[in-house]
Amino acid sequence: MTVRALTPNWGWAALPALFIAWAAVASGFPAYILPPPWDVAVEGWQWLASGRLWQHLGASLFEELLGFGTAVLVAAILGVAGGLNAGFRAFATPLNNLFMAIPPVAWAPLTMIVFGLGYPAIVAVIFIAAVFPMALTLQAGVQGIRLGEVRAARILGATRLQLLAHVYLPASLPALTTALRVGFSQAWRALVAAEMIGASRGIGWMVSTGGQTGNGSQVLFGIALIGAFAWLAENLVFRRLEGHYRAWRQA
């Protein structure tokens, strides 16, 4: 019997413990300062019943998927090019590191000047947030491909296109899933921050407007939505993909 088998799994108790602690702390404050969980639940039901929730949630998901999807395409090109070409890698890596060091939300005022208020500016911030970490992750994955596999394919007469399709692409799939996971996380954070600064709809707008009007229940409901969707994407999509290809690579 292993030590892991003897260790109880208390993960199921995390959320109940959080809500109990939240209710206990909230009992010492007026509801307008720190609303208890049941007030937030009522607020959420009102948003759901009125149909407003789907409008704002749909706006956020549209902006997220558009910005993130565009970033995936560009990052795939940059990452593969950097992994295969040393000259391009030497040129692009310092630029990637520079842009990654700048908080994506810092670009929001500039994108709003260029594109105006609305979803194009927010999509641009999402793109900037996601593309550079994904490109570097993919680049590292392509660089980590075993040279022996490439040499063997070349000896067998594989063309450059066949090498890309049958050697580089399958071998870089684990890095691709990791890049998607990291990029989506960065994009989601940038989406919320950008919507809080210059949007008229979306989950970030819900949080920002709730704070401006003193509606703590709306603020906490928006925060709960942000966390819930990040958790769903992480655990139901990216971790499963990452675990699948990690096991495949080790097989």
C-alpha atoms as a PDB file:
ATOM      1  CA  MET A   1       0.000   0.000   0.000  1.00  0.00           C
ATOM      2  CA  THR A   2       1.493   3.318  -1.048  1.00  0.00           C
ATOM      3  CA  VAL A   3       1.633   6.528   0.909  1.00  0.00           C
ATOM      4  CA  ARG A   4      -0.645   8.147  -1.677  1.00  0.00           C
ATOM      5  CA  ALA A   5      -3.301   5.491  -1.044  1.00  0.00           C
ATOM      6  CA  LEU A   6      -3.186   6.238   2.693  1.00  0.00           C
ATOM      7  CA  THR A   7      -3.540   9.999   2.158  1.00  0.00           C
ATOM      8  CA  PRO A   8      -7.199  11.107   2.140  1.00  0.00           C
ATOM      9  CA  ASN A   9      -8.374  13.235  -0.755  1.00  0.00           C
ATOM     10  CA  TRP A  10      -9.857  16.380   0.740  1.00  0.00           C
ATOM     11  CA  GLY A  11     -10.332  18.166  -2.560  1.00  0.00           C
ATOM     12  CA  TRP A  12     -14.110  17.715  -2.376  1.00  0.00           C
ATOM     13  CA  ALA A  13     -14.171  19.806   0.826  1.00  0.00           C
ATOM     14  CA  ALA A  14     -12.465  22.874  -0.630  1.00  0.00           C
ATOM     15  CA  LEU A  15     -15.546  24.639  -2.016  1.00  0.00           C
ATOM     16  CA  PRO A  16     -17.811  23.917   0.991  1.00  0.00           C
ATOM     17  CA  ALA A  17     -15.044  25.193   3.271  1.00  0.00           C
ATOM     18  CA  LEU A  18     -14.734  28.328   1.153  1.00  0.00           C
ATOM     19  CA  PHE A  19     -18.463  29.058   1.329  1.00  0.00           C
ATOM     20  CA  ILE A  20     -18.582  28.422   5.086  1.00  0.00           C
ATOM     21  CA  ALA A  21     -15.642  30.761   5.640  1.00  0.00           C
ATOM     22  CA  TRP A  22     -17.213  33.344   3.325  1.00  0.00           C
ATOM     23  CA  ALA A  23     -20.530  33.215   5.199  1.00  0.00           C
ATOM     24  CA  ALA A  24     -18.771  33.467   8.550  1.00  0.00           C
ATOM     25  CA  VAL A  25     -16.715  36.491   7.529  1.00  0.00           C
ATOM     26  CA  ALA A  26     -19.684  38.162   5.805  1.00  0.00           C
ATOM     27  CA  SER A  27     -21.737  37.889   8.989  1.00  0.00           C
ATOM     28  CA  GLY A  28     -19.473  40.511  10.542  1.00  0.00           C
ATOM     29  CA  PHE A  29     -20.075  43.085   7.775  1.00  0.00           C
ATOM     30  CA  PRO A  30     -23.111  44.859   6.352  1.00  0.00           C
ATOM     31  CA  ALA A  31     -24.436  43.113   3.236  1.00  0.00           C
ATOM     32  CA  TYR A  32     -23.623  46.128   1.048  1.00  0.00           C
ATOM     33  CA  ILE A  33     -19.926  45.802   1.976  1.00  0.00           C
ATOM     34  CA  LEU A  34     -19.495  42.024   1.871  1.00  0.00           C
ATOM     35  CA  PRO A  35     -22.599  40.168   0.674  1.00  0.00           C
ATOM     36  CA  PRO A  36     -23.098  36.613   1.960  1.00  0.00           C
ATOM     37  CA  PRO A  37     -23.246  33.696  -0.511  1.00  0.00           C
ATOM     38  CA  TRP A  38     -27.058  33.587  -0.600  1.00  0.00           C
ATOM     39  CA  ASP A  39     -27.276  37.249  -1.628  1.00  0.00           C
ATOM     40  CA  VAL A  40     -24.884  36.550  -4.494  1.00  0.00           C
ATOM     41  CA  ALA A  41     -26.959  33.515  -5.488  1.00  0.00           C
ATOM     42  CA  VAL A  42     -30.100  35.694  -5.621  1.00  0.00           C
ATOM     43  CA  GLU A  43     -28.236  38.259  -7.723  1.00  0.00           C
ATOM     44  CA  GLY A  44     -27.128  35.546 -10.104  1.00  0.00           C
ATOM     45  CA  TRP A  45     -30.666  34.195 -10.442  1.00  0.00           C
ATOM     46  CA  GLN A  46     -31.944  37.665 -11.293  1.00  0.00           C
ATOM     47  CA  TRP A  47     -29.343  38.035 -14.040  1.00  0.00           C
ATOM     48  CA  LEU A  48     -30.213  34.589 -15.350  1.00  0.00           C
ATOM     49  CA  ALA A  49     -33.982  35.035 -15.226  1.00  0.00           C
ATOM     50  CA  SER A  50     -33.874  38.410 -16.967  1.00  0.00           C
ATOM     51  CA  GLY A  51     -31.753  37.078 -19.827  1.00  0.00           C
ATOM     52  CA  ARG A  52     -29.059  39.701 -19.279  1.00  0.00           C
ATOM     53  CA  LEU A  53     -26.541  37.083 -18.213  1.00  0.00           C
ATOM     54  CA  TRP A  54     -26.493  35.379 -21.616  1.00  0.00           C
ATOM     55  CA  GLN A  55     -25.960  38.691 -23.401  1.00  0.00           C
ATOM     56  CA  HIS A  56     -22.898  39.584 -21.359  1.00  0.00           C
ATOM     57  CA  LEU A  57     -21.565  36.045 -21.219  1.00  0.00           C
ATOM     58  CA  GLY A  58     -22.004  35.648 -24.961  1.00  0.00           C
ATOM     59  CA  ALA A  59     -20.136  38.911 -25.590  1.00  0.00           C
ATOM     60  CA  SER A  60     -17.201  37.798 -23.445  1.00  0.00           C
ATOM     61  CA  LEU A  61     -16.999  34.350 -25.029  1.00  0.00           C
ATOM     62  CA  PHE A  62     -17.158  35.851 -28.534  1.00  0.00           C
ATOM     63  CA  GLU A  63     -14.293  38.234 -27.779  1.00  0.00           C
ATOM     64  CA  GLU A  64     -12.288  35.483 -26.073  1.00  0.00           C
ATOM     65  CA  LEU A  65     -12.657  32.961 -28.881  1.00  0.00           C
ATOM     66  CA  LEU A  66     -11.921  35.525 -31.603  1.00  0.00           C
ATOM     67  CA  GLY A  67      -8.803  36.908 -29.928  1.00  0.00           C
ATOM     68  CA  PHE A  68      -7.569  33.533 -28.727  1.00  0.00           C
ATOM     69  CA  GLY A  69      -8.274  31.792 -32.042  1.00  0.00           C
ATOM     70  CA  THR A  70      -6.342  34.421 -33.983  1.00  0.00           C
ATOM     71  CA  ALA A  71      -3.476  34.157 -31.493  1.00  0.00           C
ATOM     72  CA  VAL A  72      -3.341  30.368 -31.952  1.00  0.00           C
ATOM     73  CA  LEU A  73      -2.901  30.707 -35.716  1.00  0.00           C
ATOM     74  CA  VAL A  74      -0.157  33.334 -35.453  1.00  0.00           C
ATOM     75  CA  ALA A  75       1.593  31.564 -32.557  1.00  0.00           C
ATOM     76  CA  ALA A  76       1.652  28.299 -34.519  1.00  0.00           C
ATOM     77  CA  ILE A  77       3.461  30.013 -37.392  1.00  0.00           C
ATOM     78  CA  LEU A  78       5.913  31.847 -35.121  1.00  0.00           C
ATOM     79  CA  GLY A  79       6.543  28.845 -32.883  1.00  0.00           C
ATOM     80  CA  VAL A  80       7.193  26.380 -35.691  1.00  0.00           C
ATOM     81  CA  ALA A  81       9.358  28.882 -37.562  1.00  0.00           C
ATOM     82  CA  GLY A  82      11.373  29.618 -34.430  1.00  0.00           C
ATOM     83  CA  GLY A  83      11.795  25.938 -33.659  1.00  0.00           C
ATOM     84  CA  LEU A  84      12.982  25.023 -37.141  1.00  0.00           C
ATOM     85  CA  ASN A  85      15.047  28.073 -38.083  1.00  0.00           C
ATOM     86  CA  ALA A  86      17.845  29.211 -35.776  1.00  0.00           C
ATOM     87  CA  GLY A  87      18.140  32.607 -37.461  1.00  0.00           C
ATOM     88  CA  PHE A  88      14.471  33.396 -37.048  1.00  0.00           C
ATOM     89  CA  ARG A  89      14.606  32.106 -33.463  1.00  0.00           C
ATOM     90  CA  ALA A  90      17.491  34.436 -32.615  1.00  0.00           C
ATOM     91  CA  PHE A  91      15.527  37.345 -34.075  1.00  0.00           C
ATOM     92  CA  ALA A  92      12.122  36.560 -32.559  1.00  0.00           C
ATOM     93  CA  THR A  93      12.977  35.328 -29.053  1.00  0.00           C
ATOM     94  CA  PRO A  94      14.073  38.719 -27.622  1.00  0.00           C
ATOM     95  CA  LEU A  95      10.932  40.318 -29.051  1.00  0.00           C
ATOM     96  CA  ASN A  96       8.750  37.588 -27.539  1.00  0.00           C
ATOM     97  CA  ASN A  97      10.406  38.045 -24.162  1.00  0.00           C
ATOM     98  CA  LEU A  98       9.981  41.812 -24.368  1.00  0.00           C
ATOM     99  CA  PHE A  99       6.269  41.651 -25.133  1.00  0.00           C
ATOM    100  CA  MET A 100       5.689  38.993 -22.486  1.00  0.00           C
ATOM    101  CA  ALA A 101       7.240  41.294 -19.879  1.00  0.00           C
ATOM    102  CA  ILE A 102       4.608  43.981 -20.587  1.00  0.00           C
ATOM    103  CA  PRO A 103       1.236  43.398 -18.861  1.00  0.00           C
ATOM    104  CA  PRO A 104      -1.324  42.927 -21.659  1.00  0.00           C
ATOM    105  CA  VAL A 105      -3.788  45.333 -20.062  1.00  0.00           C
ATOM    106  CA  ALA A 106      -1.199  48.092 -20.548  1.00  0.00           C
ATOM    107  CA  TRP A 107      -2.033  47.897 -24.255  1.00  0.00           C
ATOM    108  CA  ALA A 108      -5.737  48.559 -23.649  1.00  0.00           C
ATOM    109  CA  PRO A 109      -5.564  52.392 -23.834  1.00  0.00           C
ATOM    110  CA  LEU A 110      -3.614  52.215 -27.107  1.00  0.00           C
ATOM    111  CA  THR A 111      -5.924  49.643 -28.687  1.00  0.00           C
ATOM    112  CA  MET A 112      -8.902  51.793 -27.726  1.00  0.00           C
ATOM    113  CA  ILE A 113      -7.283  54.805 -29.381  1.00  0.00           C
ATOM    114  CA  VAL A 114      -6.658  52.782 -32.538  1.00  0.00           C
ATOM    115  CA  PHE A 115      -9.895  50.766 -32.702  1.00  0.00           C
ATOM    116  CA  GLY A 116     -12.219  52.838 -30.522  1.00  0.00           C
ATOM    117  CA  LEU A 117     -14.420  51.513 -27.766  1.00  0.00           C
ATOM    118  CA  GLY A 118     -15.871  48.094 -28.515  1.00  0.00           C
ATOM    119  CA  TYR A 119     -14.883  44.522 -29.071  1.00  0.00           C
ATOM    120  CA  PRO A 120     -12.048  45.062 -31.645  1.00  0.00           C
ATOM    121  CA  ALA A 121      -9.919  46.799 -29.004  1.00  0.00           C
ATOM    122  CA  ILE A 122     -10.599  44.047 -26.475  1.00  0.00           C
ATOM    123  CA  VAL A 123      -9.848  41.329 -29.046  1.00  0.00           C
ATOM    124  CA  ALA A 124      -6.516  43.045 -29.766  1.00  0.00           C
ATOM    125  CA  VAL A 125      -5.574  42.961 -26.071  1.00  0.00           C
ATOM    126  CA  ILE A 126      -6.528  39.274 -25.874  1.00  0.00           C
ATOM    127  CA  PHE A 127      -4.412  38.528 -28.936  1.00  0.00           C
ATOM    128  CA  ILE A 128      -1.354  40.281 -27.485  1.00  0.00           C
ATOM    129  CA  ALA A 129      -1.779  38.468 -24.175  1.00  0.00           C
ATOM    130  CA  ALA A 130      -1.971  34.989 -25.715  1.00  0.00           C
ATOM    131  CA  VAL A 131       0.218  34.954 -28.804  1.00  0.00           C
ATOM    132  CA  PHE A 132       3.690  35.392 -27.294  1.00  0.00           C
ATOM    133  CA  PRO A 133       3.596  32.766 -24.508  1.00  0.00           C
ATOM    134  CA  MET A 134       2.070  30.277 -26.938  1.00  0.00           C
ATOM    135  CA  ALA A 135       4.723  30.985 -29.571  1.00  0.00           C
ATOM    136  CA  LEU A 136       7.569  30.438 -27.086  1.00  0.00           C
ATOM    137  CA  THR A 137       6.004  27.226 -25.767  1.00  0.00           C
ATOM    138  CA  LEU A 138       5.558  25.833 -29.278  1.00  0.00           C
ATOM    139  CA  GLN A 139       9.073  26.881 -30.224  1.00  0.00           C
ATOM    140  CA  ALA A 140      10.491  24.955 -27.269  1.00  0.00           C
ATOM    141  CA  GLY A 141       8.373  21.936 -28.206  1.00  0.00           C
ATOM    142  CA  VAL A 142       9.629  21.889 -31.790  1.00  0.00           C
ATOM    143  CA  GLN A 143      13.231  22.306 -30.600  1.00  0.00           C
ATOM    144  CA  GLY A 144      12.769  19.305 -28.279  1.00  0.00           C
ATOM    145  CA  ILE A 145      11.954  16.892 -31.103  1.00  0.00           C
ATOM    146  CA  ARG A 146      14.475  14.036 -31.237  1.00  0.00           C
ATOM    147  CA  LEU A 147      16.984  14.600 -34.030  1.00  0.00           C
ATOM    148  CA  GLY A 148      17.208  10.856 -34.573  1.00  0.00           C
ATOM    149  CA  GLU A 149      13.593  10.737 -35.706  1.00  0.00           C
ATOM    150  CA  VAL A 150      14.205  13.563 -38.165  1.00  0.00           C
ATOM    151  CA  ARG A 151      17.346  11.912 -39.568  1.00  0.00           C
ATOM    152  CA  ALA A 152      15.557   8.576 -39.954  1.00  0.00           C
ATOM    153  CA  ALA A 153      12.713  10.222 -41.866  1.00  0.00           C
ATOM    154  CA  ARG A 154      15.161  12.019 -44.143  1.00  0.00           C
ATOM    155  CA  ILE A 155      17.050   8.802 -44.837  1.00  0.00           C
ATOM    156  CA  LEU A 156      13.760   7.228 -45.874  1.00  0.00           C
ATOM    157  CA  GLY A 157      13.280  10.074 -48.357  1.00  0.00           C
ATOM    158  CA  ALA A 158      10.776  12.266 -46.548  1.00  0.00           C
ATOM    159  CA  THR A 159      10.287  15.718 -48.042  1.00  0.00           C
ATOM    160  CA  ARG A 160      10.194  18.884 -45.954  1.00  0.00           C
ATOM    161  CA  LEU A 161       6.388  18.877 -46.074  1.00  0.00           C
ATOM    162  CA  GLN A 162       6.261  15.216 -45.039  1.00  0.00           C
ATOM    163  CA  LEU A 163       8.673  15.912 -42.181  1.00  0.00           C
ATOM    164  CA  LEU A 164       6.404  18.690 -40.967  1.00  0.00           C
ATOM    165  CA  ALA A 165       3.228  16.596 -41.250  1.00  0.00           C
ATOM    166  CA  HIS A 166       4.516  13.229 -39.990  1.00  0.00           C
ATOM    167  CA  VAL A 167       7.399  14.059 -37.646  1.00  0.00           C
ATOM    168  CA  TYR A 168       7.328  17.616 -36.346  1.00  0.00           C
ATOM    169  CA  LEU A 169       3.569  17.986 -35.936  1.00  0.00           C
ATOM    170  CA  PRO A 170       2.884  14.711 -34.047  1.00  0.00           C
ATOM    171  CA  ALA A 171       5.957  15.166 -31.850  1.00  0.00           C
ATOM    172  CA  SER A 172       4.997  18.739 -30.960  1.00  0.00           C
ATOM    173  CA  LEU A 173       1.383  17.930 -29.984  1.00  0.00           C
ATOM    174  CA  PRO A 174       2.177  17.795 -26.226  1.00  0.00           C
ATOM    175  CA  ALA A 175       3.749  21.254 -26.447  1.00  0.00           C
ATOM    176  CA  LEU A 176       0.761  22.425 -28.457  1.00  0.00           C
ATOM    177  CA  THR A 177      -1.695  21.395 -25.737  1.00  0.00           C
ATOM    178  CA  THR A 178       0.436  23.099 -23.102  1.00  0.00           C
ATOM    179  CA  ALA A 179       0.603  26.244 -25.245  1.00  0.00           C
ATOM    180  CA  LEU A 180      -3.175  26.258 -25.666  1.00  0.00           C
ATOM    181  CA  ARG A 181      -3.674  25.917 -21.935  1.00  0.00           C
ATOM    182  CA  VAL A 182      -1.256  28.743 -21.102  1.00  0.00           C
ATOM    183  CA  GLY A 183      -2.523  30.974 -23.890  1.00  0.00           C
ATOM    184  CA  PHE A 184      -6.183  30.572 -22.971  1.00  0.00           C
ATOM    185  CA  SER A 185      -5.442  31.397 -19.342  1.00  0.00           C
ATOM    186  CA  GLN A 186      -3.577  34.557 -20.311  1.00  0.00           C
ATOM    187  CA  ALA A 187      -6.288  35.515 -22.800  1.00  0.00           C
ATOM    188  CA  TRP A 188      -9.075  35.068 -20.243  1.00  0.00           C
ATOM    189  CA  ARG A 189      -7.326  37.314 -17.722  1.00  0.00           C
ATOM    190  CA  ALA A 190      -6.702  39.944 -20.384  1.00  0.00           C
ATOM    191  CA  LEU A 191     -10.343  39.799 -21.500  1.00  0.00           C
ATOM    192  CA  VAL A 192     -11.655  40.542 -18.024  1.00  0.00           C
ATOM    193  CA  ALA A 193      -9.166  43.350 -17.418  1.00  0.00           C
ATOM    194  CA  ALA A 194      -9.855  44.983 -20.802  1.00  0.00           C
ATOM    195  CA  GLU A 195     -13.634  44.789 -20.312  1.00  0.00           C
ATOM    196  CA  MET A 196     -13.291  46.465 -16.935  1.00  0.00           C
ATOM    197  CA  ILE A 197     -11.497  49.391 -18.569  1.00  0.00           C
ATOM    198  CA  GLY A 198     -13.397  50.078 -21.771  1.00  0.00           C
ATOM    199  CA  ALA A 199     -16.412  47.907 -22.538  1.00  0.00           C
ATOM    200  CA  SER A 200     -20.177  48.300 -22.438  1.00  0.00           C
ATOM    201  CA  ARG A 201     -20.889  44.608 -21.948  1.00  0.00           C
ATOM    202  CA  GLY A 202     -19.238  41.389 -20.794  1.00  0.00           C
ATOM    203  CA  ILE A 203     -18.282  39.759 -17.513  1.00  0.00           C
ATOM    204  CA  GLY A 204     -15.551  42.286 -16.790  1.00  0.00           C
ATOM    205  CA  TRP A 205     -18.069  45.070 -17.385  1.00  0.00           C
ATOM    206  CA  MET A 206     -20.401  43.394 -14.865  1.00  0.00           C
ATOM    207  CA  VAL A 207     -17.684  43.453 -12.209  1.00  0.00           C
ATOM    208  CA  SER A 208     -16.629  47.026 -12.967  1.00  0.00           C
ATOM    209  CA  THR A 209     -20.184  48.394 -13.064  1.00  0.00           C
ATOM    210  CA  GLY A 210     -21.083  46.573  -9.858  1.00  0.00           C
ATOM    211  CA  GLY A 211     -18.165  48.245  -8.124  1.00  0.00           C
ATOM    212  CA  GLN A 212     -19.057  51.684  -9.437  1.00  0.00           C
ATOM    213  CA  THR A 213     -22.675  51.365  -8.278  1.00  0.00           C
ATOM    214  CA  GLY A 214     -21.841  49.761  -4.935  1.00  0.00           C
ATOM    215  CA  ASN A 215     -23.493  46.458  -5.849  1.00  0.00           C
ATOM    216  CA  GLY A 216     -21.219  43.974  -4.101  1.00  0.00           C
ATOM    217  CA  SER A 217     -23.432  41.027  -5.018  1.00  0.00           C
ATOM    218  CA  GLN A 218     -22.997  41.801  -8.712  1.00  0.00           C
ATOM    219  CA  VAL A 219     -19.241  42.131  -8.251  1.00  0.00           C
ATOM    220  CA  LEU A 220     -18.942  38.787  -6.505  1.00  0.00           C
ATOM    221  CA  PHE A 221     -21.264  37.080  -8.973  1.00  0.00           C
ATOM    222  CA  GLY A 222     -19.107  38.308 -11.851  1.00  0.00           C
ATOM    223  CA  ILE A 223     -15.964  37.120 -10.081  1.00  0.00           C
ATOM    224  CA  ALA A 224     -17.590  33.717  -9.535  1.00  0.00           C
ATOM    225  CA  LEU A 225     -18.388  33.495 -13.258  1.00  0.00           C
ATOM    226  CA  ILE A 226     -14.812  34.369 -14.172  1.00  0.00           C
ATOM    227  CA  GLY A 227     -13.451  31.669 -11.901  1.00  0.00           C
ATOM    228  CA  ALA A 228     -16.024  29.083 -12.979  1.00  0.00           C
ATOM    229  CA  PHE A 229     -15.297  29.397 -16.681  1.00  0.00           C
ATOM    230  CA  ALA A 230     -11.543  29.402 -16.138  1.00  0.00           C
ATOM    231  CA  TRP A 231     -11.915  26.250 -14.041  1.00  0.00           C
ATOM    232  CA  LEU A 232     -14.070  24.542 -16.667  1.00  0.00           C
ATOM    233  CA  ALA A 233     -11.639  25.318 -19.474  1.00  0.00           C
ATOM    234  CA  GLU A 234      -8.644  24.214 -17.393  1.00  0.00           C
ATOM    235  CA  ASN A 235     -10.037  20.946 -16.078  1.00  0.00           C
ATOM    236  CA  LEU A 236     -12.453  19.800 -18.762  1.00  0.00           C
ATOM    237  CA  VAL A 237     -10.413  20.717 -21.834  1.00  0.00           C
ATOM    238  CA  PHE A 238      -6.758  21.620 -21.454  1.00  0.00           C
ATOM    239  CA  ARG A 239      -5.659  19.342 -18.629  1.00  0.00           C
ATOM    240  CA  ARG A 240      -7.253  16.364 -20.314  1.00  0.00           C
ATOM    241  CA  LEU A 241      -5.548  17.149 -23.607  1.00  0.00           C
ATOM    242  CA  GLU A 242      -2.241  17.802 -21.885  1.00  0.00           C
ATOM    243  CA  GLY A 243      -2.433  14.586 -19.866  1.00  0.00           C
ATOM    244  CA  HIS A 244      -3.383  12.559 -22.937  1.00  0.00           C
ATOM    245  CA  TYR A 245      -0.431  13.732 -25.001  1.00  0.00           C
ATOM    246  CA  ARG A 246       1.995  13.549 -22.079  1.00  0.00           C
ATOM    247  CA  ALA A 247       1.112   9.891 -21.632  1.00  0.00           C
ATOM    248  CA  TRP A 248       1.363   9.354 -25.393  1.00  0.00           C
ATOM    249  CA  ARG A 249       4.828  10.927 -25.513  1.00  0.00           C
ATOM    250  CA  GLN A 250       6.087   8.792 -22.608  1.00  0.00           C
ATOM    251  CA  ALA A 251       4.704   5.570 -24.068  1.00  0.00           C
END
